[in-house]
Amino acid sequence: MPKVTSDVFLTRLREYSKNPDAQLTQNLFDDGLDMSSVRFTEFIMTLEEDCDIDIDIGLLDASIVTAGQLLERLNS
């Protein structure tokens, strides 16, 4: 069972990226959703609260490019 459901993930992603059409295929940074590091951290903290989990931010490295890859990492 996933720790973070795609519904919760996309709802919060759209809120914190301020993009109501954000999709799992989009890049998190740069030319994608263009989330700042502060907004990204707030997004992660909110997911922790919503899903009652602890996320090791150290596991979220530069190999994660898209929102979908982040969701996969959170659920692995």
PDB file of N, CA and C in Angstrom:
ATOM      1  N   MET A   1       0.847  -1.187   0.000  1.00  0.00           N
ATOM      2  CA  MET A   1       0.000   0.000   0.000  1.00  0.00           C
ATOM      3  C   MET A   1       0.892   1.250   0.000  1.00  0.00           C
ATOM      4  N   PRO A   2       0.582   2.223  -0.860  1.00  0.00           N
ATOM      5  CA  PRO A   2       1.406   3.434  -0.916  1.00  0.00           C
ATOM      6  C   PRO A   2       1.312   4.240   0.373  1.00  0.00           C
ATOM      7  N   LYS A   3       2.409   4.851   0.709  1.00  0.00           N
ATOM      8  CA  LYS A   3       2.436   5.748   1.855  1.00  0.00           C
ATOM      9  C   LYS A   3       1.762   7.062   1.504  1.00  0.00           C
ATOM     10  N   VAL A   4       1.982   7.501   0.260  1.00  0.00           N
ATOM     11  CA  VAL A   4       1.422   8.762  -0.230  1.00  0.00           C
ATOM     12  C   VAL A   4       0.592   8.427  -1.469  1.00  0.00           C
ATOM     13  N   THR A   5      -0.707   8.672  -1.399  1.00  0.00           N
ATOM     14  CA  THR A   5      -1.544   8.387  -2.557  1.00  0.00           C
ATOM     15  C   THR A   5      -1.343   9.463  -3.624  1.00  0.00           C
ATOM     16  N   SER A   6      -1.592   9.100  -4.857  1.00  0.00           N
ATOM     17  CA  SER A   6      -1.422  10.070  -5.940  1.00  0.00           C
ATOM     18  C   SER A   6      -2.406  11.223  -5.809  1.00  0.00           C
ATOM     19  N   ASP A   7      -3.594  10.972  -5.259  1.00  0.00           N
ATOM     20  CA  ASP A   7      -4.571  12.054  -5.073  1.00  0.00           C
ATOM     21  C   ASP A   7      -4.060  13.110  -4.101  1.00  0.00           C
ATOM     22  N   VAL A   8      -3.575  12.661  -2.954  1.00  0.00           N
ATOM     23  CA  VAL A   8      -3.038  13.598  -1.958  1.00  0.00           C
ATOM     24  C   VAL A   8      -1.816  14.308  -2.531  1.00  0.00           C
ATOM     25  N   PHE A   9      -0.943  13.541  -3.166  1.00  0.00           N
ATOM     26  CA  PHE A   9       0.284  14.100  -3.729  1.00  0.00           C
ATOM     27  C   PHE A   9      -0.035  15.195  -4.745  1.00  0.00           C
ATOM     28  N   LEU A  10      -0.924  14.907  -5.692  1.00  0.00           N
ATOM     29  CA  LEU A  10      -1.242  15.897  -6.724  1.00  0.00           C
ATOM     30  C   LEU A  10      -1.971  17.105  -6.167  1.00  0.00           C
ATOM     31  N   THR A  11      -2.840  16.891  -5.193  1.00  0.00           N
ATOM     32  CA  THR A  11      -3.528  18.031  -4.575  1.00  0.00           C
ATOM     33  C   THR A  11      -2.529  18.988  -3.956  1.00  0.00           C
ATOM     34  N   ARG A  12      -1.610  18.439  -3.181  1.00  0.00           N
ATOM     35  CA  ARG A  12      -0.604  19.292  -2.531  1.00  0.00           C
ATOM     36  C   ARG A  12       0.400  19.860  -3.521  1.00  0.00           C
ATOM     37  N   LEU A  13       0.773  19.073  -4.530  1.00  0.00           N
ATOM     38  CA  LEU A  13       1.688  19.557  -5.557  1.00  0.00           C
ATOM     39  C   LEU A  13       1.097  20.766  -6.263  1.00  0.00           C
ATOM     40  N   ARG A  14      -0.160  20.688  -6.597  1.00  0.00           N
ATOM     41  CA  ARG A  14      -0.831  21.796  -7.288  1.00  0.00           C
ATOM     42  C   ARG A  14      -0.937  23.020  -6.384  1.00  0.00           C
ATOM     43  N   GLU A  15      -1.125  22.782  -5.113  1.00  0.00           N
ATOM     44  CA  GLU A  15      -1.202  23.893  -4.153  1.00  0.00           C
ATOM     45  C   GLU A  15       0.156  24.586  -4.007  1.00  0.00           C
ATOM     46  N   TYR A  16       1.202  23.814  -3.785  1.00  0.00           N
ATOM     47  CA  TYR A  16       2.509  24.399  -3.501  1.00  0.00           C
ATOM     48  C   TYR A  16       3.252  24.877  -4.739  1.00  0.00           C
ATOM     49  N   SER A  17       2.927  24.321  -5.898  1.00  0.00           N
ATOM     50  CA  SER A  17       3.555  24.822  -7.120  1.00  0.00           C
ATOM     51  C   SER A  17       2.747  25.974  -7.713  1.00  0.00           C
ATOM     52  N   LYS A  18       1.557  26.184  -7.157  1.00  0.00           N
ATOM     53  CA  LYS A  18       0.629  27.207  -7.645  1.00  0.00           C
ATOM     54  C   LYS A  18       0.303  26.993  -9.118  1.00  0.00           C
ATOM     55  N   ASN A  19       0.238  25.708  -9.483  1.00  0.00           N
ATOM     56  CA  ASN A  19      -0.109  25.329 -10.846  1.00  0.00           C
ATOM     57  C   ASN A  19      -1.267  24.343 -10.766  1.00  0.00           C
ATOM     58  N   PRO A  20      -2.487  24.790 -11.063  1.00  0.00           N
ATOM     59  CA  PRO A  20      -3.651  23.911 -10.927  1.00  0.00           C
ATOM     60  C   PRO A  20      -3.654  22.729 -11.899  1.00  0.00           C
ATOM     61  N   ASP A  21      -2.772  22.770 -12.880  1.00  0.00           N
ATOM     62  CA  ASP A  21      -2.701  21.696 -13.871  1.00  0.00           C
ATOM     63  C   ASP A  21      -1.452  20.832 -13.718  1.00  0.00           C
ATOM     64  N   ALA A  22      -0.756  20.932 -12.597  1.00  0.00           N
ATOM     65  CA  ALA A  22       0.481  20.166 -12.388  1.00  0.00           C
ATOM     66  C   ALA A  22       0.228  18.680 -12.573  1.00  0.00           C
ATOM     67  N   GLN A  23       1.160  18.019 -13.251  1.00  0.00           N
ATOM     68  CA  GLN A  23       1.056  16.594 -13.544  1.00  0.00           C
ATOM     69  C   GLN A  23       2.302  15.859 -13.062  1.00  0.00           C
ATOM     70  N   LEU A  24       2.188  14.566 -12.900  1.00  0.00           N
ATOM     71  CA  LEU A  24       3.309  13.740 -12.445  1.00  0.00           C
ATOM     72  C   LEU A  24       4.464  13.721 -13.431  1.00  0.00           C
ATOM     73  N   THR A  25       4.210  14.021 -14.688  1.00  0.00           N
ATOM     74  CA  THR A  25       5.256  13.984 -15.709  1.00  0.00           C
ATOM     75  C   THR A  25       6.104  15.246 -15.750  1.00  0.00           C
ATOM     76  N   GLN A  26       5.702  16.266 -15.040  1.00  0.00           N
ATOM     77  CA  GLN A  26       6.420  17.537 -15.088  1.00  0.00           C
ATOM     78  C   GLN A  26       7.648  17.527 -14.186  1.00  0.00           C
ATOM     79  N   ASN A  27       8.671  18.265 -14.632  1.00  0.00           N
ATOM     80  CA  ASN A  27       9.855  18.465 -13.801  1.00  0.00           C
ATOM     81  C   ASN A  27       9.477  19.310 -12.595  1.00  0.00           C
ATOM     82  N   LEU A  28      10.093  19.004 -11.469  1.00  0.00           N
ATOM     83  CA  LEU A  28       9.808  19.758 -10.247  1.00  0.00           C
ATOM     84  C   LEU A  28      10.393  21.161 -10.288  1.00  0.00           C
ATOM     85  N   PHE A  29      11.585  21.268 -10.862  1.00  0.00           N
ATOM     86  CA  PHE A  29      12.299  22.545 -10.829  1.00  0.00           C
ATOM     87  C   PHE A  29      12.573  23.033 -12.247  1.00  0.00           C
ATOM     88  N   ASP A  30      13.272  24.113 -12.356  1.00  0.00           N
ATOM     89  CA  ASP A  30      13.680  24.711 -13.632  1.00  0.00           C
ATOM     90  C   ASP A  30      12.480  24.972 -14.532  1.00  0.00           C
ATOM     91  N   ASP A  31      12.475  24.387 -15.727  1.00  0.00           N
ATOM     92  CA  ASP A  31      11.437  24.698 -16.701  1.00  0.00           C
ATOM     93  C   ASP A  31      10.124  23.961 -16.452  1.00  0.00           C
ATOM     94  N   GLY A  32      10.061  23.168 -15.400  1.00  0.00           N
ATOM     95  CA  GLY A  32       8.841  22.427 -15.082  1.00  0.00           C
ATOM     96  C   GLY A  32       7.922  23.243 -14.199  1.00  0.00           C
ATOM     97  N   LEU A  33       7.741  22.783 -12.987  1.00  0.00           N
ATOM     98  CA  LEU A  33       6.852  23.453 -12.036  1.00  0.00           C
ATOM     99  C   LEU A  33       7.504  24.657 -11.378  1.00  0.00           C
ATOM    100  N   ASP A  34       8.834  24.747 -11.524  1.00  0.00           N
ATOM    101  CA  ASP A  34       9.578  25.909 -11.032  1.00  0.00           C
ATOM    102  C   ASP A  34       9.317  26.175  -9.548  1.00  0.00           C
ATOM    103  N   MET A  35       9.346  25.100  -8.729  1.00  0.00           N
ATOM    104  CA  MET A  35       9.160  25.261  -7.285  1.00  0.00           C
ATOM    105  C   MET A  35      10.460  25.759  -6.659  1.00  0.00           C
ATOM    106  N   SER A  36      10.337  26.713  -5.775  1.00  0.00           N
ATOM    107  CA  SER A  36      11.512  27.156  -5.025  1.00  0.00           C
ATOM    108  C   SER A  36      11.852  26.101  -3.982  1.00  0.00           C
ATOM    109  N   SER A  37      13.056  26.168  -3.459  1.00  0.00           N
ATOM    110  CA  SER A  37      13.457  25.193  -2.438  1.00  0.00           C
ATOM    111  C   SER A  37      12.605  25.346  -1.176  1.00  0.00           C
ATOM    112  N   VAL A  38      12.191  26.550  -0.863  1.00  0.00           N
ATOM    113  CA  VAL A  38      11.339  26.783   0.307  1.00  0.00           C
ATOM    114  C   VAL A  38       9.963  26.158   0.090  1.00  0.00           C
ATOM    115  N   ARG A  39       9.374  26.379  -1.072  1.00  0.00           N
ATOM    116  CA  ARG A  39       8.048  25.803  -1.373  1.00  0.00           C
ATOM    117  C   ARG A  39       8.126  24.278  -1.407  1.00  0.00           C
ATOM    118  N   PHE A  40       9.226  23.739  -1.948  1.00  0.00           N
ATOM    119  CA  PHE A  40       9.407  22.293  -1.995  1.00  0.00           C
ATOM    120  C   PHE A  40       9.464  21.719  -0.583  1.00  0.00           C
ATOM    121  N   THR A  41      10.194  22.374   0.298  1.00  0.00           N
ATOM    122  CA  THR A  41      10.294  21.915   1.685  1.00  0.00           C
ATOM    123  C   THR A  41       8.932  21.973   2.365  1.00  0.00           C
ATOM    124  N   GLU A  42       8.190  23.038   2.151  1.00  0.00           N
ATOM    125  CA  GLU A  42       6.839  23.145   2.712  1.00  0.00           C
ATOM    126  C   GLU A  42       5.934  22.038   2.169  1.00  0.00           C
ATOM    127  N   PHE A  43       6.065  21.737   0.893  1.00  0.00           N
ATOM    128  CA  PHE A  43       5.304  20.669   0.249  1.00  0.00           C
ATOM    129  C   PHE A  43       5.593  19.333   0.923  1.00  0.00           C
ATOM    130  N   ILE A  44       6.859  19.024   1.135  1.00  0.00           N
ATOM    131  CA  ILE A  44       7.266  17.770   1.783  1.00  0.00           C
ATOM    132  C   ILE A  44       6.733  17.714   3.212  1.00  0.00           C
ATOM    133  N   MET A  45       6.846  18.808   3.947  1.00  0.00           N
ATOM    134  CA  MET A  45       6.369  18.839   5.331  1.00  0.00           C
ATOM    135  C   MET A  45       4.859  18.619   5.398  1.00  0.00           C
ATOM    136  N   THR A  46       4.125  19.171   4.458  1.00  0.00           N
ATOM    137  CA  THR A  46       2.682  18.984   4.426  1.00  0.00           C
ATOM    138  C   THR A  46       2.320  17.542   4.102  1.00  0.00           C
ATOM    139  N   LEU A  47       3.063  16.924   3.172  1.00  0.00           N
ATOM    140  CA  LEU A  47       2.830  15.507   2.882  1.00  0.00           C
ATOM    141  C   LEU A  47       3.065  14.656   4.123  1.00  0.00           C
ATOM    142  N   GLU A  48       4.088  14.996   4.889  1.00  0.00           N
ATOM    143  CA  GLU A  48       4.351  14.255   6.131  1.00  0.00           C
ATOM    144  C   GLU A  48       3.160  14.337   7.064  1.00  0.00           C
ATOM    145  N   GLU A  49       2.599  15.522   7.207  1.00  0.00           N
ATOM    146  CA  GLU A  49       1.443  15.708   8.089  1.00  0.00           C
ATOM    147  C   GLU A  49       0.206  15.006   7.542  1.00  0.00           C
ATOM    148  N   ASP A  50      -0.059  15.190   6.256  1.00  0.00           N
ATOM    149  CA  ASP A  50      -1.255  14.602   5.634  1.00  0.00           C
ATOM    150  C   ASP A  50      -1.245  13.080   5.700  1.00  0.00           C
ATOM    151  N   CYS A  51      -0.076  12.490   5.495  1.00  0.00           N
ATOM    152  CA  CYS A  51       0.031  11.030   5.375  1.00  0.00           C
ATOM    153  C   CYS A  51       0.574  10.369   6.635  1.00  0.00           C
ATOM    154  N   ASP A  52       0.844  11.174   7.669  1.00  0.00           N
ATOM    155  CA  ASP A  52       1.368  10.677   8.938  1.00  0.00           C
ATOM    156  C   ASP A  52       2.612   9.800   8.732  1.00  0.00           C
ATOM    157  N   ILE A  53       3.580  10.380   8.009  1.00  0.00           N
ATOM    158  CA  ILE A  53       4.845   9.695   7.739  1.00  0.00           C
ATOM    159  C   ILE A  53       6.003  10.636   8.006  1.00  0.00           C
ATOM    160  N   ASP A  54       7.190  10.069   8.130  1.00  0.00           N
ATOM    161  CA  ASP A  54       8.421  10.848   8.223  1.00  0.00           C
ATOM    162  C   ASP A  54       9.188  10.642   6.932  1.00  0.00           C
ATOM    163  N   ILE A  55       9.550  11.741   6.281  1.00  0.00           N
ATOM    164  CA  ILE A  55      10.287  11.676   5.022  1.00  0.00           C
ATOM    165  C   ILE A  55      11.715  12.111   5.289  1.00  0.00           C
ATOM    166  N   ASP A  56      12.657  11.234   4.965  1.00  0.00           N
ATOM    167  CA  ASP A  56      14.075  11.553   5.100  1.00  0.00           C
ATOM    168  C   ASP A  56      14.475  12.404   3.901  1.00  0.00           C
ATOM    169  N   ILE A  57      14.604  13.700   4.109  1.00  0.00           N
ATOM    170  CA  ILE A  57      14.909  14.633   3.026  1.00  0.00           C
ATOM    171  C   ILE A  57      16.235  14.286   2.362  1.00  0.00           C
ATOM    172  N   GLY A  58      17.112  13.587   3.079  1.00  0.00           N
ATOM    173  CA  GLY A  58      18.397  13.174   2.526  1.00  0.00           C
ATOM    174  C   GLY A  58      18.257  12.166   1.397  1.00  0.00           C
ATOM    175  N   LEU A  59      17.125  11.470   1.340  1.00  0.00           N
ATOM    176  CA  LEU A  59      16.889  10.498   0.268  1.00  0.00           C
ATOM    177  C   LEU A  59      16.358  11.155  -1.005  1.00  0.00           C
ATOM    178  N   LEU A  60      16.043  12.426  -0.906  1.00  0.00           N
ATOM    179  CA  LEU A  60      15.501  13.149  -2.048  1.00  0.00           C
ATOM    180  C   LEU A  60      16.635  13.905  -2.728  1.00  0.00           C
ATOM    181  N   ASP A  61      17.313  13.213  -3.633  1.00  0.00           N
ATOM    182  CA  ASP A  61      18.504  13.775  -4.264  1.00  0.00           C
ATOM    183  C   ASP A  61      18.229  14.253  -5.683  1.00  0.00           C
ATOM    184  N   ALA A  62      19.274  14.691  -6.346  1.00  0.00           N
ATOM    185  CA  ALA A  62      19.160  15.265  -7.688  1.00  0.00           C
ATOM    186  C   ALA A  62      18.742  14.260  -8.753  1.00  0.00           C
ATOM    187  N   SER A  63      18.719  12.970  -8.422  1.00  0.00           N
ATOM    188  CA  SER A  63      18.267  11.981  -9.401  1.00  0.00           C
ATOM    189  C   SER A  63      16.757  12.054  -9.606  1.00  0.00           C
ATOM    190  N   ILE A  64      16.068  12.713  -8.709  1.00  0.00           N
ATOM    191  CA  ILE A  64      14.619  12.889  -8.830  1.00  0.00           C
ATOM    192  C   ILE A  64      14.371  14.151  -9.643  1.00  0.00           C
ATOM    193  N   VAL A  65      13.807  13.977 -10.814  1.00  0.00           N
ATOM    194  CA  VAL A  65      13.583  15.105 -11.708  1.00  0.00           C
ATOM    195  C   VAL A  65      12.101  15.454 -11.810  1.00  0.00           C
ATOM    196  N   THR A  66      11.270  14.433 -11.989  1.00  0.00           N
ATOM    197  CA  THR A  66       9.842  14.695 -12.194  1.00  0.00           C
ATOM    198  C   THR A  66       9.050  14.477 -10.902  1.00  0.00           C
ATOM    199  N   ALA A  67       7.852  15.017 -10.892  1.00  0.00           N
ATOM    200  CA  ALA A  67       6.956  14.823  -9.752  1.00  0.00           C
ATOM    201  C   ALA A  67       6.648  13.339  -9.569  1.00  0.00           C
ATOM    202  N   GLY A  68       6.484  12.610 -10.655  1.00  0.00           N
ATOM    203  CA  GLY A  68       6.211  11.178 -10.581  1.00  0.00           C
ATOM    204  C   GLY A  68       7.353  10.402  -9.955  1.00  0.00           C
ATOM    205  N   GLN A  69       8.582  10.784 -10.272  1.00  0.00           N
ATOM    206  CA  GLN A  69       9.741  10.132  -9.664  1.00  0.00           C
ATOM    207  C   GLN A  69       9.780  10.395  -8.165  1.00  0.00           C
ATOM    208  N   LEU A  70       9.390  11.590  -7.765  1.00  0.00           N
ATOM    209  CA  LEU A  70       9.338  11.912  -6.343  1.00  0.00           C
ATOM    210  C   LEU A  70       8.294  11.043  -5.647  1.00  0.00           C
ATOM    211  N   LEU A  71       7.126  10.914  -6.239  1.00  0.00           N
ATOM    212  CA  LEU A  71       6.074  10.078  -5.651  1.00  0.00           C
ATOM    213  C   LEU A  71       6.567   8.637  -5.517  1.00  0.00           C
ATOM    214  N   GLU A  72       7.214   8.118  -6.534  1.00  0.00           N
ATOM    215  CA  GLU A  72       7.757   6.756  -6.474  1.00  0.00           C
ATOM    216  C   GLU A  72       8.765   6.617  -5.345  1.00  0.00           C
ATOM    217  N   ARG A  73       9.652   7.597  -5.205  1.00  0.00           N
ATOM    218  CA  ARG A  73      10.674   7.551  -4.144  1.00  0.00           C
ATOM    219  C   ARG A  73      10.024   7.571  -2.763  1.00  0.00           C
ATOM    220  N   LEU A  74       8.999   8.398  -2.608  1.00  0.00           N
ATOM    221  CA  LEU A  74       8.320   8.489  -1.316  1.00  0.00           C
ATOM    222  C   LEU A  74       7.638   7.182  -0.945  1.00  0.00           C
ATOM    223  N   ASN A  75       7.222   6.421  -1.950  1.00  0.00           N
ATOM    224  CA  ASN A  75       6.508   5.183  -1.694  1.00  0.00           C
ATOM    225  C   ASN A  75       7.408   3.945  -1.743  1.00  0.00           C
ATOM    226  N   SER A  76       8.691   4.132  -1.898  1.00  0.00           N
ATOM    227  CA  SER A  76       9.586   2.963  -1.953  1.00  0.00           C
ATOM    228  C   SER A  76      10.134   2.611  -0.586  1.00  0.00           C
TER     229      SER A  76
END
